[in-house]
Amino acid sequence: MPKFAARRRPVPDRRTVIPAALLILLATAAVFLSVLLVRSADARKAKAAVEQFYAYEQAGDYGSSWELFHSRMKERYAKDVYIQARAYIFMNQLGARTFTYEVGDAKRVSVWRMEEESEPMSGVFRMPVIQHMDTVFGSLEIRQNVYAAREDGEWKLLWPFGGREES
């Protein structure tokens, strides 16, 4: 009889394999749900920032709405210039004293650029916005995609200026 006999490898017990597989499946589902919840919370917060922006605009508080701009927008418009331009366009040019608005659902955009040559941004949300107003030219609707990106922990607004998005 040989001194070293070949050992048989133990067969995995079904009672341990099934719970392990179930545990892996549950862990995967938990990670997936966590990602969905974070994305959905981000979408809600981004939409809330856009809704706050248009609430300020609706009230004629263009200074507060400007504060909700992303730094890239603030580079484009000085605060005093923006306030004067918005008031002039809505009240003097269009004769609109106020407007109503609708903000659509926030959709994540994987990569977005404010302008064709600008640096790409990720984690941006796109929302369609429709402004309804009565003007000296009759009823008017302005439809625009508005974007929101997180900056310093807060959601800030961006407008497209010939930029593009890649989903």
N, C-alpha and C. Protein backbone atom coordinates (compact mmCIF):
# COMPACT_ATOMS: atom_id res chain seq x y z
N MET A 1 0.84 -1.18 0.00
CA MET A 1 0.00 0.00 0.00
C MET A 1 0.88 1.24 0.00
N PRO A 2 0.62 2.13 -0.94
CA PRO A 2 1.48 3.33 -1.03
C PRO A 2 1.28 4.23 0.18
N LYS A 3 2.40 4.89 0.50
CA LYS A 3 2.38 5.81 1.63
C LYS A 3 1.50 7.02 1.37
N PHE A 4 1.59 7.56 0.16
CA PHE A 4 0.85 8.76 -0.18
C PHE A 4 -0.26 8.43 -1.15
N ALA A 5 -1.41 8.23 -0.67
CA ALA A 5 -2.55 7.92 -1.53
C ALA A 5 -3.17 9.23 -2.00
N ALA A 6 -3.66 9.22 -3.21
CA ALA A 6 -4.32 10.42 -3.76
C ALA A 6 -5.55 10.73 -2.93
N ARG A 7 -5.65 12.01 -2.56
CA ARG A 7 -6.82 12.42 -1.78
C ARG A 7 -7.91 12.87 -2.71
N ARG A 8 -9.06 12.57 -2.33
CA ARG A 8 -10.22 13.03 -3.09
C ARG A 8 -10.58 14.42 -2.65
N ARG A 9 -10.85 15.25 -3.62
CA ARG A 9 -11.29 16.61 -3.32
C ARG A 9 -12.72 16.55 -2.84
N PRO A 10 -13.05 17.25 -1.76
CA PRO A 10 -14.41 17.19 -1.26
C PRO A 10 -15.39 17.85 -2.24
N VAL A 11 -16.52 17.29 -2.42
CA VAL A 11 -17.57 17.83 -3.28
C VAL A 11 -18.27 18.94 -2.50
N PRO A 12 -18.43 20.12 -3.13
CA PRO A 12 -19.12 21.19 -2.41
C PRO A 12 -20.53 20.76 -2.02
N ASP A 13 -20.87 21.09 -0.86
CA ASP A 13 -22.18 20.77 -0.33
C ASP A 13 -23.18 21.78 -0.88
N ARG A 14 -24.28 21.31 -1.42
CA ARG A 14 -25.30 22.20 -1.97
C ARG A 14 -25.83 23.15 -0.92
N ARG A 15 -25.80 22.75 0.29
CA ARG A 15 -26.32 23.60 1.36
C ARG A 15 -25.47 24.85 1.55
N THR A 16 -24.20 24.87 1.12
CA THR A 16 -23.37 26.08 1.22
C THR A 16 -23.31 26.83 -0.10
N VAL A 17 -23.44 26.15 -1.21
CA VAL A 17 -23.37 26.80 -2.52
C VAL A 17 -24.59 27.70 -2.76
N ILE A 18 -25.77 27.22 -2.47
CA ILE A 18 -26.99 27.99 -2.73
C ILE A 18 -27.02 29.27 -1.88
N PRO A 19 -26.76 29.23 -0.59
CA PRO A 19 -26.75 30.48 0.18
C PRO A 19 -25.67 31.46 -0.31
N ALA A 20 -24.51 30.96 -0.73
CA ALA A 20 -23.45 31.84 -1.22
C ALA A 20 -23.89 32.53 -2.51
N ALA A 21 -24.50 31.79 -3.42
CA ALA A 21 -24.99 32.36 -4.67
C ALA A 21 -26.09 33.39 -4.39
N LEU A 22 -26.95 33.07 -3.45
CA LEU A 22 -28.02 33.99 -3.06
C LEU A 22 -27.45 35.27 -2.46
N LEU A 23 -26.42 35.12 -1.65
CA LEU A 23 -25.77 36.28 -1.04
C LEU A 23 -25.14 37.17 -2.10
N ILE A 24 -24.48 36.59 -3.08
CA ILE A 24 -23.87 37.36 -4.18
C ILE A 24 -24.96 38.08 -4.98
N LEU A 25 -26.05 37.40 -5.26
CA LEU A 25 -27.16 38.01 -6.00
C LEU A 25 -27.76 39.19 -5.22
N LEU A 26 -27.96 39.02 -3.93
CA LEU A 26 -28.51 40.10 -3.10
C LEU A 26 -27.56 41.29 -3.02
N ALA A 27 -26.26 41.04 -2.91
CA ALA A 27 -25.27 42.12 -2.86
C ALA A 27 -25.26 42.90 -4.17
N THR A 28 -25.34 42.19 -5.29
CA THR A 28 -25.39 42.84 -6.60
C THR A 28 -26.64 43.70 -6.73
N ALA A 29 -27.77 43.18 -6.31
CA ALA A 29 -29.03 43.93 -6.36
C ALA A 29 -28.96 45.16 -5.48
N ALA A 30 -28.35 45.05 -4.31
CA ALA A 30 -28.22 46.19 -3.40
C ALA A 30 -27.37 47.30 -4.01
N VAL A 31 -26.27 46.94 -4.65
CA VAL A 31 -25.41 47.92 -5.31
C VAL A 31 -26.18 48.60 -6.44
N PHE A 32 -26.86 47.83 -7.24
CA PHE A 32 -27.65 48.36 -8.36
C PHE A 32 -28.71 49.34 -7.86
N LEU A 33 -29.44 48.97 -6.82
CA LEU A 33 -30.48 49.85 -6.26
C LEU A 33 -29.88 51.12 -5.68
N SER A 34 -28.74 51.01 -5.04
CA SER A 34 -28.07 52.19 -4.48
C SER A 34 -27.71 53.18 -5.58
N VAL A 35 -27.18 52.68 -6.68
CA VAL A 35 -26.83 53.55 -7.80
C VAL A 35 -28.08 54.23 -8.35
N LEU A 36 -29.16 53.47 -8.50
CA LEU A 36 -30.41 54.06 -8.99
C LEU A 36 -30.95 55.14 -8.05
N LEU A 37 -30.89 54.89 -6.75
CA LEU A 37 -31.38 55.87 -5.79
C LEU A 37 -30.55 57.15 -5.80
N VAL A 38 -29.23 57.03 -5.92
CA VAL A 38 -28.37 58.21 -5.96
C VAL A 38 -28.65 59.00 -7.23
N ARG A 39 -28.76 58.32 -8.36
CA ARG A 39 -29.05 59.02 -9.62
C ARG A 39 -30.41 59.71 -9.57
N SER A 40 -31.39 59.04 -8.99
CA SER A 40 -32.72 59.63 -8.93
C SER A 40 -32.72 60.83 -7.98
N ALA A 41 -31.96 60.77 -6.89
CA ALA A 41 -31.86 61.91 -5.97
C ALA A 41 -31.15 63.07 -6.67
N ASP A 42 -30.10 62.78 -7.43
CA ASP A 42 -29.40 63.83 -8.18
C ASP A 42 -30.34 64.48 -9.19
N ALA A 43 -31.13 63.67 -9.89
CA ALA A 43 -32.06 64.21 -10.88
C ALA A 43 -33.08 65.13 -10.21
N ARG A 44 -33.59 64.74 -9.05
CA ARG A 44 -34.55 65.59 -8.32
C ARG A 44 -33.92 66.90 -7.89
N LYS A 45 -32.69 66.84 -7.40
CA LYS A 45 -32.01 68.05 -6.94
C LYS A 45 -31.67 68.98 -8.10
N ALA A 46 -31.26 68.39 -9.22
CA ALA A 46 -30.96 69.21 -10.41
C ALA A 46 -32.23 69.90 -10.89
N LYS A 47 -33.33 69.17 -10.93
CA LYS A 47 -34.61 69.75 -11.37
C LYS A 47 -35.07 70.83 -10.40
N ALA A 48 -34.87 70.62 -9.11
CA ALA A 48 -35.26 71.63 -8.11
C ALA A 48 -34.49 72.93 -8.32
N ALA A 49 -33.21 72.83 -8.69
CA ALA A 49 -32.42 74.04 -8.96
C ALA A 49 -32.97 74.79 -10.16
N VAL A 50 -33.34 74.05 -11.21
CA VAL A 50 -33.91 74.69 -12.40
C VAL A 50 -35.26 75.33 -12.06
N GLU A 51 -36.08 74.64 -11.30
CA GLU A 51 -37.37 75.21 -10.91
C GLU A 51 -37.19 76.46 -10.05
N GLN A 52 -36.21 76.47 -9.16
CA GLN A 52 -35.94 77.65 -8.34
C GLN A 52 -35.49 78.82 -9.21
N PHE A 53 -34.63 78.53 -10.19
CA PHE A 53 -34.16 79.56 -11.12
C PHE A 53 -35.34 80.24 -11.81
N TYR A 54 -36.25 79.43 -12.36
CA TYR A 54 -37.39 80.02 -13.08
C TYR A 54 -38.40 80.66 -12.15
N ALA A 55 -38.48 80.23 -10.91
CA ALA A 55 -39.34 80.91 -9.93
C ALA A 55 -38.80 82.32 -9.68
N TYR A 56 -37.49 82.44 -9.54
CA TYR A 56 -36.89 83.77 -9.38
C TYR A 56 -37.13 84.62 -10.63
N GLU A 57 -36.93 84.04 -11.80
CA GLU A 57 -37.15 84.77 -13.05
C GLU A 57 -38.60 85.23 -13.16
N GLN A 58 -39.52 84.35 -12.81
CA GLN A 58 -40.95 84.66 -12.87
C GLN A 58 -41.28 85.85 -11.95
N ALA A 59 -40.62 85.93 -10.81
CA ALA A 59 -40.85 87.02 -9.85
C ALA A 59 -40.07 88.28 -10.23
N GLY A 60 -39.28 88.23 -11.30
CA GLY A 60 -38.48 89.38 -11.70
C GLY A 60 -37.24 89.56 -10.86
N ASP A 61 -36.85 88.55 -10.09
CA ASP A 61 -35.67 88.60 -9.24
C ASP A 61 -34.48 88.01 -10.00
N TYR A 62 -34.02 88.75 -10.99
CA TYR A 62 -32.97 88.26 -11.88
C TYR A 62 -31.62 88.16 -11.19
N GLY A 63 -31.40 88.93 -10.14
CA GLY A 63 -30.16 88.83 -9.37
C GLY A 63 -30.05 87.48 -8.68
N SER A 64 -31.17 87.02 -8.09
CA SER A 64 -31.16 85.71 -7.42
C SER A 64 -31.05 84.58 -8.44
N SER A 65 -31.70 84.75 -9.59
CA SER A 65 -31.60 83.68 -10.60
C SER A 65 -30.17 83.60 -11.12
N TRP A 66 -29.50 84.74 -11.29
CA TRP A 66 -28.11 84.75 -11.76
C TRP A 66 -27.22 83.98 -10.79
N GLU A 67 -27.51 84.07 -9.49
CA GLU A 67 -26.71 83.37 -8.49
C GLU A 67 -26.77 81.85 -8.67
N LEU A 68 -27.81 81.35 -9.33
CA LEU A 68 -27.95 79.90 -9.56
C LEU A 68 -27.22 79.44 -10.83
N PHE A 69 -26.56 80.37 -11.52
CA PHE A 69 -25.78 80.00 -12.69
C PHE A 69 -24.49 79.29 -12.29
N HIS A 70 -24.07 78.36 -13.12
CA HIS A 70 -22.77 77.72 -13.01
C HIS A 70 -21.71 78.79 -13.29
N SER A 71 -20.50 78.61 -12.79
CA SER A 71 -19.44 79.61 -12.99
C SER A 71 -19.17 79.87 -14.48
N ARG A 72 -19.38 78.87 -15.32
CA ARG A 72 -19.18 79.09 -16.77
C ARG A 72 -20.21 80.08 -17.32
N MET A 73 -21.41 80.06 -16.77
CA MET A 73 -22.43 81.03 -17.18
C MET A 73 -22.11 82.41 -16.62
N LYS A 74 -21.61 82.46 -15.41
CA LYS A 74 -21.26 83.74 -14.79
C LYS A 74 -20.11 84.41 -15.53
N GLU A 75 -19.23 83.60 -16.14
CA GLU A 75 -18.15 84.16 -16.96
C GLU A 75 -18.73 84.81 -18.22
N ARG A 76 -19.81 84.27 -18.69
CA ARG A 76 -20.43 84.75 -19.92
C ARG A 76 -21.25 86.02 -19.69
N TYR A 77 -21.91 86.12 -18.54
CA TYR A 77 -22.77 87.26 -18.22
C TYR A 77 -22.37 87.86 -16.88
N ALA A 78 -21.98 89.12 -16.88
CA ALA A 78 -21.80 89.83 -15.61
C ALA A 78 -23.19 89.99 -15.00
N LYS A 79 -23.26 90.01 -13.68
CA LYS A 79 -24.55 90.04 -12.99
C LYS A 79 -25.39 91.25 -13.40
N ASP A 80 -24.80 92.44 -13.39
CA ASP A 80 -25.58 93.65 -13.71
C ASP A 80 -26.04 93.64 -15.17
N VAL A 81 -25.22 93.14 -16.06
CA VAL A 81 -25.59 93.06 -17.47
C VAL A 81 -26.75 92.07 -17.66
N TYR A 82 -26.67 90.94 -16.98
CA TYR A 82 -27.73 89.94 -17.08
C TYR A 82 -29.06 90.50 -16.57
N ILE A 83 -29.03 91.14 -15.41
CA ILE A 83 -30.26 91.69 -14.82
C ILE A 83 -30.90 92.69 -15.78
N GLN A 84 -30.11 93.60 -16.32
CA GLN A 84 -30.64 94.61 -17.24
C GLN A 84 -31.18 93.98 -18.52
N ALA A 85 -30.44 93.02 -19.06
CA ALA A 85 -30.86 92.39 -20.32
C ALA A 85 -32.16 91.61 -20.16
N ARG A 86 -32.28 90.84 -19.08
CA ARG A 86 -33.50 90.05 -18.88
C ARG A 86 -34.71 90.96 -18.69
N ALA A 87 -34.56 91.98 -17.86
CA ALA A 87 -35.68 92.90 -17.64
C ALA A 87 -36.05 93.61 -18.93
N TYR A 88 -35.06 94.03 -19.69
CA TYR A 88 -35.30 94.75 -20.94
C TYR A 88 -36.01 93.86 -21.96
N ILE A 89 -35.54 92.64 -22.12
CA ILE A 89 -36.13 91.73 -23.11
C ILE A 89 -37.58 91.39 -22.75
N PHE A 90 -37.81 90.97 -21.51
CA PHE A 90 -39.15 90.55 -21.14
C PHE A 90 -40.13 91.71 -21.07
N MET A 91 -39.76 92.77 -20.40
CA MET A 91 -40.73 93.84 -20.18
C MET A 91 -40.78 94.83 -21.33
N ASN A 92 -39.64 95.34 -21.79
CA ASN A 92 -39.64 96.37 -22.82
C ASN A 92 -39.85 95.81 -24.23
N GLN A 93 -39.12 94.78 -24.56
CA GLN A 93 -39.20 94.24 -25.92
C GLN A 93 -40.46 93.41 -26.15
N LEU A 94 -40.75 92.51 -25.22
CA LEU A 94 -41.89 91.61 -25.40
C LEU A 94 -43.17 92.11 -24.73
N GLY A 95 -43.04 93.01 -23.79
CA GLY A 95 -44.21 93.51 -23.07
C GLY A 95 -44.82 92.46 -22.15
N ALA A 96 -44.04 91.51 -21.74
CA ALA A 96 -44.53 90.44 -20.85
C ALA A 96 -44.25 90.84 -19.41
N ARG A 97 -45.27 90.89 -18.61
CA ARG A 97 -45.09 91.25 -17.21
C ARG A 97 -44.71 90.02 -16.38
N THR A 98 -45.16 88.87 -16.78
CA THR A 98 -44.81 87.62 -16.09
C THR A 98 -45.00 86.47 -17.07
N PHE A 99 -44.69 85.27 -16.63
CA PHE A 99 -44.83 84.10 -17.46
C PHE A 99 -45.08 82.90 -16.57
N THR A 100 -45.55 81.83 -17.17
CA THR A 100 -45.63 80.55 -16.49
C THR A 100 -44.57 79.66 -17.12
N TYR A 101 -44.25 78.58 -16.46
CA TYR A 101 -43.21 77.71 -17.00
C TYR A 101 -43.47 76.26 -16.60
N GLU A 102 -42.91 75.37 -17.38
CA GLU A 102 -42.95 73.94 -17.11
C GLU A 102 -41.52 73.41 -17.24
N VAL A 103 -41.12 72.62 -16.27
CA VAL A 103 -39.80 71.99 -16.31
C VAL A 103 -40.04 70.49 -16.47
N GLY A 104 -39.49 69.91 -17.52
CA GLY A 104 -39.64 68.48 -17.78
C GLY A 104 -38.71 67.65 -16.91
N ASP A 105 -38.77 66.36 -17.12
CA ASP A 105 -37.94 65.42 -16.36
C ASP A 105 -36.46 65.60 -16.66
N ALA A 106 -35.66 65.40 -15.64
CA ALA A 106 -34.21 65.49 -15.77
C ALA A 106 -33.66 64.18 -16.33
N LYS A 107 -32.87 64.29 -17.37
CA LYS A 107 -32.22 63.12 -17.99
C LYS A 107 -30.72 63.32 -17.93
N ARG A 108 -30.03 62.30 -17.43
CA ARG A 108 -28.56 62.38 -17.33
C ARG A 108 -27.95 62.35 -18.73
N VAL A 109 -26.96 63.22 -18.91
CA VAL A 109 -26.18 63.27 -20.14
C VAL A 109 -24.76 62.89 -19.76
N SER A 110 -24.20 61.92 -20.45
CA SER A 110 -22.88 61.44 -20.04
C SER A 110 -21.79 62.48 -20.23
N VAL A 111 -21.77 63.14 -21.38
CA VAL A 111 -20.77 64.19 -21.64
C VAL A 111 -21.48 65.35 -22.33
N TRP A 112 -21.23 66.57 -21.86
CA TRP A 112 -21.89 67.75 -22.42
C TRP A 112 -20.90 68.89 -22.52
N ARG A 113 -21.08 69.71 -23.53
CA ARG A 113 -20.26 70.92 -23.72
C ARG A 113 -21.19 72.11 -23.86
N MET A 114 -20.88 73.19 -23.17
CA MET A 114 -21.70 74.39 -23.25
C MET A 114 -21.56 75.01 -24.65
N GLU A 115 -20.34 74.99 -25.16
CA GLU A 115 -20.05 75.46 -26.51
C GLU A 115 -19.20 74.39 -27.18
N GLU A 116 -19.16 74.44 -28.49
CA GLU A 116 -18.42 73.42 -29.24
C GLU A 116 -16.97 73.29 -28.77
N GLU A 117 -16.32 74.41 -28.48
CA GLU A 117 -14.91 74.39 -28.12
C GLU A 117 -14.65 74.35 -26.61
N SER A 118 -15.71 74.32 -25.80
CA SER A 118 -15.52 74.33 -24.35
C SER A 118 -15.15 72.94 -23.82
N GLU A 119 -14.62 72.93 -22.60
CA GLU A 119 -14.24 71.69 -21.94
C GLU A 119 -15.49 70.83 -21.71
N PRO A 120 -15.39 69.54 -21.93
CA PRO A 120 -16.55 68.67 -21.69
C PRO A 120 -16.84 68.54 -20.20
N MET A 121 -18.11 68.37 -19.89
CA MET A 121 -18.55 68.19 -18.51
C MET A 121 -19.28 66.86 -18.43
N SER A 122 -19.15 66.17 -17.29
CA SER A 122 -19.87 64.91 -17.11
C SER A 122 -20.81 65.06 -15.92
N GLY A 123 -21.75 64.12 -15.80
CA GLY A 123 -22.69 64.16 -14.69
C GLY A 123 -23.69 65.30 -14.80
N VAL A 124 -23.99 65.70 -16.01
CA VAL A 124 -24.89 66.82 -16.28
C VAL A 124 -26.30 66.28 -16.54
N PHE A 125 -27.31 67.03 -16.11
CA PHE A 125 -28.69 66.68 -16.38
C PHE A 125 -29.31 67.69 -17.34
N ARG A 126 -30.10 67.19 -18.29
CA ARG A 126 -30.82 68.02 -19.26
C ARG A 126 -32.29 68.02 -18.90
N MET A 127 -32.90 69.20 -18.93
CA MET A 127 -34.34 69.32 -18.69
C MET A 127 -34.93 70.26 -19.72
N PRO A 128 -36.02 69.86 -20.37
CA PRO A 128 -36.70 70.80 -21.27
C PRO A 128 -37.51 71.79 -20.43
N VAL A 129 -37.43 73.06 -20.81
CA VAL A 129 -38.19 74.10 -20.12
C VAL A 129 -39.03 74.83 -21.17
N ILE A 130 -40.30 75.04 -20.83
CA ILE A 130 -41.19 75.81 -21.69
C ILE A 130 -41.70 76.99 -20.88
N GLN A 131 -41.48 78.20 -21.41
CA GLN A 131 -42.00 79.41 -20.80
C GLN A 131 -43.19 79.87 -21.64
N HIS A 132 -44.33 80.13 -21.00
CA HIS A 132 -45.52 80.62 -21.67
C HIS A 132 -45.72 82.07 -21.23
N MET A 133 -45.91 82.99 -22.19
CA MET A 133 -46.13 84.38 -21.82
C MET A 133 -47.06 85.06 -22.82
N ASP A 134 -47.78 86.03 -22.32
CA ASP A 134 -48.59 86.89 -23.17
C ASP A 134 -47.77 88.14 -23.45
N THR A 135 -47.55 88.42 -24.71
CA THR A 135 -46.69 89.53 -25.10
C THR A 135 -47.46 90.49 -26.00
N VAL A 136 -46.81 91.58 -26.38
CA VAL A 136 -47.43 92.52 -27.32
C VAL A 136 -47.59 91.88 -28.69
N PHE A 137 -46.94 90.75 -28.90
CA PHE A 137 -47.04 90.00 -30.16
C PHE A 137 -47.98 88.81 -30.06
N GLY A 138 -48.70 88.70 -28.97
CA GLY A 138 -49.60 87.58 -28.74
C GLY A 138 -48.97 86.57 -27.80
N SER A 139 -49.60 85.42 -27.72
CA SER A 139 -49.07 84.36 -26.84
C SER A 139 -47.79 83.81 -27.44
N LEU A 140 -46.84 83.59 -26.58
CA LEU A 140 -45.52 83.15 -27.03
C LEU A 140 -45.02 82.05 -26.11
N GLU A 141 -44.34 81.07 -26.69
CA GLU A 141 -43.68 80.01 -25.93
C GLU A 141 -42.20 80.01 -26.27
N ILE A 142 -41.40 79.92 -25.24
CA ILE A 142 -39.96 79.75 -25.43
C ILE A 142 -39.63 78.35 -24.93
N ARG A 143 -39.09 77.54 -25.83
CA ARG A 143 -38.70 76.17 -25.48
C ARG A 143 -37.19 76.09 -25.52
N GLN A 144 -36.64 75.56 -24.43
CA GLN A 144 -35.18 75.51 -24.33
C GLN A 144 -34.78 74.32 -23.46
N ASN A 145 -33.74 73.64 -23.88
CA ASN A 145 -33.13 72.64 -22.99
C ASN A 145 -32.21 73.38 -22.04
N VAL A 146 -32.39 73.12 -20.76
CA VAL A 146 -31.57 73.72 -19.72
C VAL A 146 -30.78 72.59 -19.07
N TYR A 147 -29.57 72.88 -18.69
CA TYR A 147 -28.69 71.87 -18.12
C TYR A 147 -28.31 72.25 -16.70
N ALA A 148 -28.09 71.26 -15.87
CA ALA A 148 -27.66 71.48 -14.49
C ALA A 148 -26.47 70.58 -14.20
N ALA A 149 -25.46 71.17 -13.56
CA ALA A 149 -24.26 70.42 -13.18
C ALA A 149 -23.93 70.78 -11.74
N ARG A 150 -23.35 69.84 -11.04
CA ARG A 150 -22.96 70.08 -9.66
C ARG A 150 -21.66 70.87 -9.64
N GLU A 151 -21.65 71.92 -8.82
CA GLU A 151 -20.45 72.73 -8.64
C GLU A 151 -20.37 73.10 -7.16
N ASP A 152 -19.28 72.74 -6.54
CA ASP A 152 -19.09 72.99 -5.10
C ASP A 152 -20.26 72.43 -4.28
N GLY A 153 -20.75 71.26 -4.67
CA GLY A 153 -21.79 70.58 -3.91
C GLY A 153 -23.20 71.07 -4.18
N GLU A 154 -23.37 72.06 -5.06
CA GLU A 154 -24.70 72.59 -5.38
C GLU A 154 -24.97 72.43 -6.87
N TRP A 155 -26.25 72.30 -7.20
CA TRP A 155 -26.64 72.19 -8.60
C TRP A 155 -26.79 73.59 -9.19
N LYS A 156 -26.09 73.81 -10.32
CA LYS A 156 -26.06 75.12 -10.98
C LYS A 156 -26.50 74.98 -12.43
N LEU A 157 -27.07 76.05 -12.96
CA LEU A 157 -27.63 76.04 -14.31
C LEU A 157 -26.64 76.41 -15.39
N LEU A 158 -26.87 75.80 -16.55
CA LEU A 158 -26.11 76.10 -17.76
C LEU A 158 -27.07 76.16 -18.94
N TRP A 159 -26.78 77.03 -19.87
CA TRP A 159 -27.52 77.06 -21.12
C TRP A 159 -26.57 76.63 -22.24
N PRO A 160 -27.10 76.02 -23.26
CA PRO A 160 -26.25 75.62 -24.39
C PRO A 160 -26.03 76.79 -25.36
N PHE A 161 -24.83 76.89 -25.87
CA PHE A 161 -24.50 77.90 -26.87
C PHE A 161 -23.78 77.20 -28.02
N GLY A 162 -24.51 76.37 -28.73
CA GLY A 162 -23.91 75.63 -29.82
C GLY A 162 -23.11 74.43 -29.35
N GLY A 163 -23.25 74.09 -28.09
CA GLY A 163 -22.54 72.92 -27.55
C GLY A 163 -23.21 71.63 -28.00
N ARG A 164 -22.67 70.54 -27.56
CA ARG A 164 -23.27 69.26 -27.93
C ARG A 164 -23.22 68.32 -26.75
N GLU A 165 -24.03 67.31 -26.86
CA GLU A 165 -24.05 66.31 -25.80
C GLU A 165 -23.82 64.94 -26.40
N GLU A 166 -23.26 64.09 -25.60
CA GLU A 166 -23.02 62.70 -26.01
C GLU A 166 -23.64 61.83 -24.93
N SER A 167 -24.64 61.07 -25.30
CA SER A 167 -25.32 60.23 -24.30
C SER A 167 -24.65 58.91 -24.12
